[in-house]
Amino acid sequence: MHIEVRWPSDGDAAELTRLTAAEHDRAVALAAEGTLRRLWRIPGQHANWGLWEASDATVLHKAISSLPFFPWLAVTVHPLALHPNDPAPAAAR
C-alpha cells in the first residue's frame, strides 16, 4: 500500500504534533494486531510504502480509516496474491 500524507501547508502546528503522536500509537497497535507488517518511508516525501495484511477489503478499510491522519491521506492499495514462482521458502508464504 502506498500512503501519501496531504497535510495542508497552513495546517495548525499543534494539531499536526498531536496527530503525529496519535498516528505513531495507532501504527504500533496495528502492528501488534498483525495488520501492519512492514513500513518504509519514501525519502524526501511525506509518504510511505507499507505491507498490510487483512482478511478482506472491508477489514483493511476499517484499519486504514482508523489512522488519525486518514482525512488527509491519499491511499493506493495494491492487492497481492501468492505467485507460484515465488523464491521464498514455503514456510515464509
PDB file of N, CA and C in Angstrom:
ATOM      1  N   MET A   1       0.839  -1.164   0.000  1.00  0.00           N
ATOM      2  CA  MET A   1       0.000   0.000   0.000  1.00  0.00           C
ATOM      3  C   MET A   1       0.889   1.233   0.000  1.00  0.00           C
ATOM      4  N   HIS A   2       0.507   2.204  -0.771  1.00  0.00           N
ATOM      5  CA  HIS A   2       1.211   3.486  -0.798  1.00  0.00           C
ATOM      6  C   HIS A   2       0.316   4.516  -0.113  1.00  0.00           C
ATOM      7  N   ILE A   3       0.902   5.245   0.825  1.00  0.00           N
ATOM      8  CA  ILE A   3       0.164   6.287   1.541  1.00  0.00           C
ATOM      9  C   ILE A   3       0.934   7.592   1.453  1.00  0.00           C
ATOM     10  N   GLU A   4       0.233   8.628   1.028  1.00  0.00           N
ATOM     11  CA  GLU A   4       0.806   9.974   0.992  1.00  0.00           C
ATOM     12  C   GLU A   4      -0.005  10.855   1.932  1.00  0.00           C
ATOM     13  N   VAL A   5       0.690  11.548   2.826  1.00  0.00           N
ATOM     14  CA  VAL A   5       0.029  12.468   3.756  1.00  0.00           C
ATOM     15  C   VAL A   5      -0.078  13.823   3.075  1.00  0.00           C
ATOM     16  N   ARG A   6      -1.279  14.349   3.009  1.00  0.00           N
ATOM     17  CA  ARG A   6      -1.526  15.645   2.364  1.00  0.00           C
ATOM     18  C   ARG A   6      -1.993  16.674   3.390  1.00  0.00           C
ATOM     19  N   TRP A   7      -1.159  16.851   4.399  1.00  0.00           N
ATOM     20  CA  TRP A   7      -1.443  17.843   5.430  1.00  0.00           C
ATOM     21  C   TRP A   7      -1.313  19.230   4.810  1.00  0.00           C
ATOM     22  N   PRO A   8      -2.267  20.128   5.032  1.00  0.00           N
ATOM     23  CA  PRO A   8      -2.195  21.456   4.416  1.00  0.00           C
ATOM     24  C   PRO A   8      -1.011  22.267   4.945  1.00  0.00           C
ATOM     25  N   SER A   9      -0.380  22.992   4.054  1.00  0.00           N
ATOM     26  CA  SER A   9       0.798  23.791   4.447  1.00  0.00           C
ATOM     27  C   SER A   9       0.454  24.828   5.509  1.00  0.00           C
ATOM     28  N   ASP A  10      -0.784  25.255   5.561  1.00  0.00           N
ATOM     29  CA  ASP A  10      -1.201  26.228   6.574  1.00  0.00           C
ATOM     30  C   ASP A  10      -1.927  25.558   7.743  1.00  0.00           C
ATOM     31  N   GLY A  11      -1.774  24.230   7.864  1.00  0.00           N
ATOM     32  CA  GLY A  11      -2.415  23.490   8.955  1.00  0.00           C
ATOM     33  C   GLY A  11      -1.849  23.869  10.307  1.00  0.00           C
ATOM     34  N   ASP A  12      -2.651  23.704  11.325  1.00  0.00           N
ATOM     35  CA  ASP A  12      -2.275  24.049  12.694  1.00  0.00           C
ATOM     36  C   ASP A  12      -1.112  23.177  13.170  1.00  0.00           C
ATOM     37  N   ALA A  13      -0.027  23.807  13.602  1.00  0.00           N
ATOM     38  CA  ALA A  13       1.181  23.088  14.024  1.00  0.00           C
ATOM     39  C   ALA A  13       0.928  22.220  15.261  1.00  0.00           C
ATOM     40  N   ALA A  14       0.141  22.713  16.202  1.00  0.00           N
ATOM     41  CA  ALA A  14      -0.145  21.939  17.407  1.00  0.00           C
ATOM     42  C   ALA A  14      -0.968  20.698  17.056  1.00  0.00           C
ATOM     43  N   GLU A  15      -1.909  20.838  16.139  1.00  0.00           N
ATOM     44  CA  GLU A  15      -2.719  19.694  15.717  1.00  0.00           C
ATOM     45  C   GLU A  15      -1.856  18.683  14.966  1.00  0.00           C
ATOM     46  N   LEU A  16      -0.925  19.155  14.174  1.00  0.00           N
ATOM     47  CA  LEU A  16      -0.008  18.259  13.469  1.00  0.00           C
ATOM     48  C   LEU A  16       0.819  17.455  14.469  1.00  0.00           C
ATOM     49  N   THR A  17       1.299  18.090  15.510  1.00  0.00           N
ATOM     50  CA  THR A  17       2.069  17.404  16.551  1.00  0.00           C
ATOM     51  C   THR A  17       1.205  16.351  17.251  1.00  0.00           C
ATOM     52  N   ARG A  18      -0.029  16.704  17.581  1.00  0.00           N
ATOM     53  CA  ARG A  18      -0.936  15.775  18.237  1.00  0.00           C
ATOM     54  C   ARG A  18      -1.244  14.580  17.330  1.00  0.00           C
ATOM     55  N   LEU A  19      -1.546  14.856  16.066  1.00  0.00           N
ATOM     56  CA  LEU A  19      -1.867  13.788  15.122  1.00  0.00           C
ATOM     57  C   LEU A  19      -0.674  12.874  14.872  1.00  0.00           C
ATOM     58  N   THR A  20       0.522  13.441  14.819  1.00  0.00           N
ATOM     59  CA  THR A  20       1.729  12.638  14.601  1.00  0.00           C
ATOM     60  C   THR A  20       1.923  11.640  15.736  1.00  0.00           C
ATOM     61  N   ALA A  21       1.730  12.089  16.964  1.00  0.00           N
ATOM     62  CA  ALA A  21       1.852  11.182  18.117  1.00  0.00           C
ATOM     63  C   ALA A  21       0.746  10.124  18.093  1.00  0.00           C
ATOM     64  N   ALA A  22      -0.469  10.523  17.770  1.00  0.00           N
ATOM     65  CA  ALA A  22      -1.589   9.577  17.709  1.00  0.00           C
ATOM     66  C   ALA A  22      -1.386   8.573  16.576  1.00  0.00           C
ATOM     67  N   GLU A  23      -0.835   9.025  15.456  1.00  0.00           N
ATOM     68  CA  GLU A  23      -0.563   8.133  14.322  1.00  0.00           C
ATOM     69  C   GLU A  23       0.466   7.073  14.715  1.00  0.00           C
ATOM     70  N   HIS A  24       1.490   7.494  15.443  1.00  0.00           N
ATOM     71  CA  HIS A  24       2.500   6.544  15.927  1.00  0.00           C
ATOM     72  C   HIS A  24       1.856   5.476  16.796  1.00  0.00           C
ATOM     73  N   ASP A  25       1.043   5.913  17.749  1.00  0.00           N
ATOM     74  CA  ASP A  25       0.389   4.968  18.657  1.00  0.00           C
ATOM     75  C   ASP A  25      -0.513   3.997  17.895  1.00  0.00           C
ATOM     76  N   ARG A  26      -1.233   4.500  16.905  1.00  0.00           N
ATOM     77  CA  ARG A  26      -2.130   3.626  16.134  1.00  0.00           C
ATOM     78  C   ARG A  26      -1.320   2.643  15.288  1.00  0.00           C
ATOM     79  N   ALA A  27      -0.204   3.074  14.720  1.00  0.00           N
ATOM     80  CA  ALA A  27       0.653   2.175  13.941  1.00  0.00           C
ATOM     81  C   ALA A  27       1.201   1.059  14.821  1.00  0.00           C
ATOM     82  N   VAL A  28       1.604   1.384  16.034  1.00  0.00           N
ATOM     83  CA  VAL A  28       2.087   0.371  16.971  1.00  0.00           C
ATOM     84  C   VAL A  28       0.983  -0.645  17.255  1.00  0.00           C
ATOM     85  N   ALA A  29      -0.236  -0.179  17.461  1.00  0.00           N
ATOM     86  CA  ALA A  29      -1.356  -1.086  17.731  1.00  0.00           C
ATOM     87  C   ALA A  29      -1.671  -1.959  16.513  1.00  0.00           C
ATOM     88  N   LEU A  30      -1.666  -1.377  15.318  1.00  0.00           N
ATOM     89  CA  LEU A  30      -1.927  -2.151  14.104  1.00  0.00           C
ATOM     90  C   LEU A  30      -0.837  -3.193  13.873  1.00  0.00           C
ATOM     91  N   ALA A  31       0.392  -2.851  14.207  1.00  0.00           N
ATOM     92  CA  ALA A  31       1.494  -3.819  14.084  1.00  0.00           C
ATOM     93  C   ALA A  31       1.308  -4.956  15.085  1.00  0.00           C
ATOM     94  N   ALA A  32       0.917  -4.630  16.305  1.00  0.00           N
ATOM     95  CA  ALA A  32       0.700  -5.658  17.324  1.00  0.00           C
ATOM     96  C   ALA A  32      -0.439  -6.599  16.928  1.00  0.00           C
ATOM     97  N   GLU A  33      -1.435  -6.080  16.220  1.00  0.00           N
ATOM     98  CA  GLU A  33      -2.559  -6.884  15.745  1.00  0.00           C
ATOM     99  C   GLU A  33      -2.181  -7.752  14.542  1.00  0.00           C
ATOM    100  N   GLY A  34      -1.031  -7.435  13.906  1.00  0.00           N
ATOM    101  CA  GLY A  34      -0.611  -8.171  12.715  1.00  0.00           C
ATOM    102  C   GLY A  34      -1.128  -7.584  11.419  1.00  0.00           C
ATOM    103  N   THR A  35      -1.801  -6.449  11.488  1.00  0.00           N
ATOM    104  CA  THR A  35      -2.342  -5.806  10.284  1.00  0.00           C
ATOM    105  C   THR A  35      -1.259  -5.041   9.538  1.00  0.00           C
ATOM    106  N   LEU A  36      -0.471  -4.268  10.248  1.00  0.00           N
ATOM    107  CA  LEU A  36       0.643  -3.530   9.652  1.00  0.00           C
ATOM    108  C   LEU A  36       1.893  -4.379   9.829  1.00  0.00           C
ATOM    109  N   ARG A  37       2.386  -4.938   8.711  1.00  0.00           N
ATOM    110  CA  ARG A  37       3.504  -5.883   8.779  1.00  0.00           C
ATOM    111  C   ARG A  37       4.855  -5.200   8.626  1.00  0.00           C
ATOM    112  N   ARG A  38       4.953  -4.268   7.701  1.00  0.00           N
ATOM    113  CA  ARG A  38       6.212  -3.543   7.452  1.00  0.00           C
ATOM    114  C   ARG A  38       5.861  -2.139   6.985  1.00  0.00           C
ATOM    115  N   LEU A  39       6.811  -1.207   7.148  1.00  0.00           N
ATOM    116  CA  LEU A  39       6.581   0.175   6.746  1.00  0.00           C
ATOM    117  C   LEU A  39       7.901   0.801   6.331  1.00  0.00           C
ATOM    118  N   TRP A  40       7.922   1.437   5.162  1.00  0.00           N
ATOM    119  CA  TRP A  40       9.114   2.102   4.653  1.00  0.00           C
ATOM    120  C   TRP A  40       8.769   3.546   4.322  1.00  0.00           C
ATOM    121  N   ARG A  41       9.626   4.468   4.739  1.00  0.00           N
ATOM    122  CA  ARG A  41       9.474   5.891   4.400  1.00  0.00           C
ATOM    123  C   ARG A  41      10.035   6.128   2.997  1.00  0.00           C
ATOM    124  N   ILE A  42       9.417   7.036   2.259  1.00  0.00           N
ATOM    125  CA  ILE A  42       9.941   7.447   0.964  1.00  0.00           C
ATOM    126  C   ILE A  42      10.752   8.717   1.214  1.00  0.00           C
ATOM    127  N   PRO A  43      12.067   8.658   1.031  1.00  0.00           N
ATOM    128  CA  PRO A  43      12.907   9.826   1.335  1.00  0.00           C
ATOM    129  C   PRO A  43      12.456  11.074   0.569  1.00  0.00           C
ATOM    130  N   GLY A  44      12.430  12.182   1.281  1.00  0.00           N
ATOM    131  CA  GLY A  44      12.086  13.465   0.680  1.00  0.00           C
ATOM    132  C   GLY A  44      10.596  13.695   0.495  1.00  0.00           C
ATOM    133  N   GLN A  45       9.780  12.766   0.953  1.00  0.00           N
ATOM    134  CA  GLN A  45       8.334  12.916   0.808  1.00  0.00           C
ATOM    135  C   GLN A  45       7.660  12.631   2.146  1.00  0.00           C
ATOM    136  N   HIS A  46       6.473  13.123   2.290  1.00  0.00           N
ATOM    137  CA  HIS A  46       5.663  12.768   3.463  1.00  0.00           C
ATOM    138  C   HIS A  46       4.769  11.618   3.010  1.00  0.00           C
ATOM    139  N   ALA A  47       5.421  10.478   2.722  1.00  0.00           N
ATOM    140  CA  ALA A  47       4.735   9.315   2.163  1.00  0.00           C
ATOM    141  C   ALA A  47       5.459   8.043   2.580  1.00  0.00           C
ATOM    142  N   ASN A  48       4.751   6.918   2.431  1.00  0.00           N
ATOM    143  CA  ASN A  48       5.361   5.640   2.775  1.00  0.00           C
ATOM    144  C   ASN A  48       4.778   4.516   1.931  1.00  0.00           C
ATOM    145  N   TRP A  49       5.502   3.414   1.916  1.00  0.00           N
ATOM    146  CA  TRP A  49       5.024   2.145   1.382  1.00  0.00           C
ATOM    147  C   TRP A  49       4.915   1.205   2.560  1.00  0.00           C
ATOM    148  N   GLY A  50       3.816   0.486   2.639  1.00  0.00           N
ATOM    149  CA  GLY A  50       3.623  -0.438   3.736  1.00  0.00           C
ATOM    150  C   GLY A  50       3.115  -1.774   3.249  1.00  0.00           C
ATOM    151  N   LEU A  51       3.430  -2.779   4.017  1.00  0.00           N
ATOM    152  CA  LEU A  51       2.902  -4.114   3.792  1.00  0.00           C
ATOM    153  C   LEU A  51       1.860  -4.359   4.877  1.00  0.00           C
ATOM    154  N   TRP A  52       0.605  -4.437   4.467  1.00  0.00           N
ATOM    155  CA  TRP A  52      -0.519  -4.611   5.367  1.00  0.00           C
ATOM    156  C   TRP A  52      -1.154  -5.961   5.074  1.00  0.00           C
ATOM    157  N   GLU A  53      -1.791  -6.549   6.085  1.00  0.00           N
ATOM    158  CA  GLU A  53      -2.465  -7.828   5.887  1.00  0.00           C
ATOM    159  C   GLU A  53      -3.841  -7.775   6.548  1.00  0.00           C
ATOM    160  N   ALA A  54      -4.857  -8.176   5.778  1.00  0.00           N
ATOM    161  CA  ALA A  54      -6.220  -8.198   6.297  1.00  0.00           C
ATOM    162  C   ALA A  54      -6.980  -9.334   5.625  1.00  0.00           C
ATOM    163  N   SER A  55      -8.005  -9.826   6.297  1.00  0.00           N
ATOM    164  CA  SER A  55      -8.772 -10.953   5.766  1.00  0.00           C
ATOM    165  C   SER A  55      -9.618 -10.577   4.560  1.00  0.00           C
ATOM    166  N   ASP A  56     -10.001  -9.310   4.459  1.00  0.00           N
ATOM    167  CA  ASP A  56     -10.754  -8.858   3.290  1.00  0.00           C
ATOM    168  C   ASP A  56     -10.668  -7.337   3.189  1.00  0.00           C
ATOM    169  N   ALA A  57     -11.241  -6.792   2.111  1.00  0.00           N
ATOM    170  CA  ALA A  57     -11.143  -5.356   1.849  1.00  0.00           C
ATOM    171  C   ALA A  57     -11.851  -4.523   2.908  1.00  0.00           C
ATOM    172  N   THR A  58     -12.926  -5.032   3.459  1.00  0.00           N
ATOM    173  CA  THR A  58     -13.656  -4.285   4.492  1.00  0.00           C
ATOM    174  C   THR A  58     -12.821  -4.148   5.760  1.00  0.00           C
ATOM    175  N   VAL A  59     -12.156  -5.217   6.153  1.00  0.00           N
ATOM    176  CA  VAL A  59     -11.283  -5.180   7.327  1.00  0.00           C
ATOM    177  C   VAL A  59     -10.117  -4.228   7.077  1.00  0.00           C
ATOM    178  N   LEU A  60      -9.557  -4.268   5.876  1.00  0.00           N
ATOM    179  CA  LEU A  60      -8.452  -3.362   5.538  1.00  0.00           C
ATOM    180  C   LEU A  60      -8.909  -1.910   5.582  1.00  0.00           C
ATOM    181  N   HIS A  61     -10.083  -1.629   5.015  1.00  0.00           N
ATOM    182  CA  HIS A  61     -10.605  -0.257   5.029  1.00  0.00           C
ATOM    183  C   HIS A  61     -10.796   0.234   6.463  1.00  0.00           C
ATOM    184  N   LYS A  62     -11.316  -0.633   7.310  1.00  0.00           N
ATOM    185  CA  LYS A  62     -11.514  -0.253   8.711  1.00  0.00           C
ATOM    186  C   LYS A  62     -10.178   0.110   9.373  1.00  0.00           C
ATOM    187  N   ALA A  63      -9.139  -0.668   9.089  1.00  0.00           N
ATOM    188  CA  ALA A  63      -7.814  -0.380   9.664  1.00  0.00           C
ATOM    189  C   ALA A  63      -7.263   0.939   9.139  1.00  0.00           C
ATOM    190  N   ILE A  64      -7.343   1.143   7.827  1.00  0.00           N
ATOM    191  CA  ILE A  64      -6.821   2.381   7.228  1.00  0.00           C
ATOM    192  C   ILE A  64      -7.582   3.595   7.762  1.00  0.00           C
ATOM    193  N   SER A  65      -8.897   3.485   7.815  1.00  0.00           N
ATOM    194  CA  SER A  65      -9.696   4.632   8.252  1.00  0.00           C
ATOM    195  C   SER A  65      -9.563   4.904   9.749  1.00  0.00           C
ATOM    196  N   SER A  66      -8.936   3.982  10.492  1.00  0.00           N
ATOM    197  CA  SER A  66      -8.686   4.218  11.912  1.00  0.00           C
ATOM    198  C   SER A  66      -7.448   5.074  12.152  1.00  0.00           C
ATOM    199  N   LEU A  67      -6.688   5.337  11.103  1.00  0.00           N
ATOM    200  CA  LEU A  67      -5.486   6.167  11.250  1.00  0.00           C
ATOM    201  C   LEU A  67      -5.883   7.614  11.521  1.00  0.00           C
ATOM    202  N   PRO A  68      -5.281   8.258  12.502  1.00  0.00           N
ATOM    203  CA  PRO A  68      -5.631   9.639  12.811  1.00  0.00           C
ATOM    204  C   PRO A  68      -5.476  10.605  11.630  1.00  0.00           C
ATOM    205  N   PHE A  69      -4.519  10.352  10.743  1.00  0.00           N
ATOM    206  CA  PHE A  69      -4.320  11.223   9.577  1.00  0.00           C
ATOM    207  C   PHE A  69      -5.265  10.886   8.420  1.00  0.00           C
ATOM    208  N   PHE A  70      -6.153   9.903   8.591  1.00  0.00           N
ATOM    209  CA  PHE A  70      -6.980   9.417   7.485  1.00  0.00           C
ATOM    210  C   PHE A  70      -7.624  10.526   6.640  1.00  0.00           C
ATOM    211  N   PRO A  71      -8.179  11.582   7.238  1.00  0.00           N
ATOM    212  CA  PRO A  71      -8.800  12.619   6.396  1.00  0.00           C
ATOM    213  C   PRO A  71      -7.814  13.311   5.442  1.00  0.00           C
ATOM    214  N   TRP A  72      -6.520  13.213   5.721  1.00  0.00           N
ATOM    215  CA  TRP A  72      -5.500  13.868   4.908  1.00  0.00           C
ATOM    216  C   TRP A  72      -4.633  12.873   4.144  1.00  0.00           C
ATOM    217  N   LEU A  73      -5.087  11.630   4.011  1.00  0.00           N
ATOM    218  CA  LEU A  73      -4.290  10.602   3.338  1.00  0.00           C
ATOM    219  C   LEU A  73      -4.798  10.340   1.930  1.00  0.00           C
ATOM    220  N   ALA A  74      -3.840  10.140   1.017  1.00  0.00           N
ATOM    221  CA  ALA A  74      -4.129   9.594  -0.302  1.00  0.00           C
ATOM    222  C   ALA A  74      -3.582   8.170  -0.260  1.00  0.00           C
ATOM    223  N   VAL A  75      -4.472   7.189  -0.323  1.00  0.00           N
ATOM    224  CA  VAL A  75      -4.100   5.789  -0.146  1.00  0.00           C
ATOM    225  C   VAL A  75      -4.320   5.035  -1.452  1.00  0.00           C
ATOM    226  N   THR A  76      -3.305   4.286  -1.855  1.00  0.00           N
ATOM    227  CA  THR A  76      -3.423   3.403  -3.009  1.00  0.00           C
ATOM    228  C   THR A  76      -3.115   1.992  -2.537  1.00  0.00           C
ATOM    229  N   VAL A  77      -4.090   1.111  -2.659  1.00  0.00           N
ATOM    230  CA  VAL A  77      -3.934  -0.273  -2.244  1.00  0.00           C
ATOM    231  C   VAL A  77      -3.550  -1.113  -3.456  1.00  0.00           C
ATOM    232  N   HIS A  78      -2.548  -1.953  -3.281  1.00  0.00           N
ATOM    233  CA  HIS A  78      -2.099  -2.876  -4.315  1.00  0.00           C
ATOM    234  C   HIS A  78      -2.277  -4.290  -3.767  1.00  0.00           C
ATOM    235  N   PRO A  79      -3.435  -4.931  -4.030  1.00  0.00           N
ATOM    236  CA  PRO A  79      -3.648  -6.286  -3.511  1.00  0.00           C
ATOM    237  C   PRO A  79      -2.621  -7.256  -4.102  1.00  0.00           C
ATOM    238  N   LEU A  80      -2.153  -8.166  -3.293  1.00  0.00           N
ATOM    239  CA  LEU A  80      -1.158  -9.140  -3.720  1.00  0.00           C
ATOM    240  C   LEU A  80      -1.679 -10.554  -3.501  1.00  0.00           C
ATOM    241  N   ALA A  81      -1.246 -11.437  -4.355  1.00  0.00           N
ATOM    242  CA  ALA A  81      -1.576 -12.859  -4.221  1.00  0.00           C
ATOM    243  C   ALA A  81      -0.281 -13.651  -4.345  1.00  0.00           C
ATOM    244  N   LEU A  82      -0.296 -14.872  -3.845  1.00  0.00           N
ATOM    245  CA  LEU A  82       0.884 -15.727  -3.963  1.00  0.00           C
ATOM    246  C   LEU A  82       1.198 -15.994  -5.427  1.00  0.00           C
ATOM    247  N   HIS A  83       2.467 -16.068  -5.729  1.00  0.00           N
ATOM    248  CA  HIS A  83       2.923 -16.378  -7.085  1.00  0.00           C
ATOM    249  C   HIS A  83       3.560 -17.763  -7.055  1.00  0.00           C
ATOM    250  N   PRO A  84       3.255 -18.613  -8.020  1.00  0.00           N
ATOM    251  CA  PRO A  84       3.802 -19.977  -7.987  1.00  0.00           C
ATOM    252  C   PRO A  84       5.319 -20.029  -8.135  1.00  0.00           C
ATOM    253  N   ASN A  85       5.943 -18.979  -8.655  1.00  0.00           N
ATOM    254  CA  ASN A  85       7.395 -18.955  -8.820  1.00  0.00           C
ATOM    255  C   ASN A  85       8.096 -18.147  -7.735  1.00  0.00           C
ATOM    256  N   ASP A  86       7.391 -17.825  -6.663  1.00  0.00           N
ATOM    257  CA  ASP A  86       7.979 -17.067  -5.553  1.00  0.00           C
ATOM    258  C   ASP A  86       9.166 -17.854  -4.999  1.00  0.00           C
ATOM    259  N   PRO A  87      10.367 -17.264  -4.974  1.00  0.00           N
ATOM    260  CA  PRO A  87      11.532 -17.972  -4.477  1.00  0.00           C
ATOM    261  C   PRO A  87      11.604 -18.084  -2.960  1.00  0.00           C
ATOM    262  N   ALA A  88      10.673 -17.441  -2.253  1.00  0.00           N
ATOM    263  CA  ALA A  88      10.702 -17.535  -0.781  1.00  0.00           C
ATOM    264  C   ALA A  88      10.412 -18.959  -0.346  1.00  0.00           C
ATOM    265  N   PRO A  89      11.016 -19.390   0.748  1.00  0.00           N
ATOM    266  CA  PRO A  89      10.713 -20.734   1.269  1.00  0.00           C
ATOM    267  C   PRO A  89       9.214 -20.873   1.543  1.00  0.00           C
ATOM    268  N   ALA A  90       8.703 -22.050   1.385  1.00  0.00           N
ATOM    269  CA  ALA A  90       7.261 -22.306   1.577  1.00  0.00           C
ATOM    270  C   ALA A  90       6.789 -21.832   2.953  1.00  0.00           C
ATOM    271  N   ALA A  91       7.620 -21.961   3.975  1.00  0.00           N
ATOM    272  CA  ALA A  91       7.242 -21.549   5.328  1.00  0.00           C
ATOM    273  C   ALA A  91       7.029 -20.046   5.418  1.00  0.00           C
ATOM    274  N   ALA A  92       7.664 -19.267   4.540  1.00  0.00           N
ATOM    275  CA  ALA A  92       7.563 -17.815   4.588  1.00  0.00           C
ATOM    276  C   ALA A  92       6.328 -17.310   3.849  1.00  0.00           C
ATOM    277  N   ARG A  93       5.617 -18.166   3.167  1.00  0.00           N
ATOM    278  CA  ARG A  93       4.460 -17.711   2.369  1.00  0.00           C
ATOM    279  C   ARG A  93       3.215 -17.629   3.162  1.00  0.00           C
TER     280      ARG A  93
END
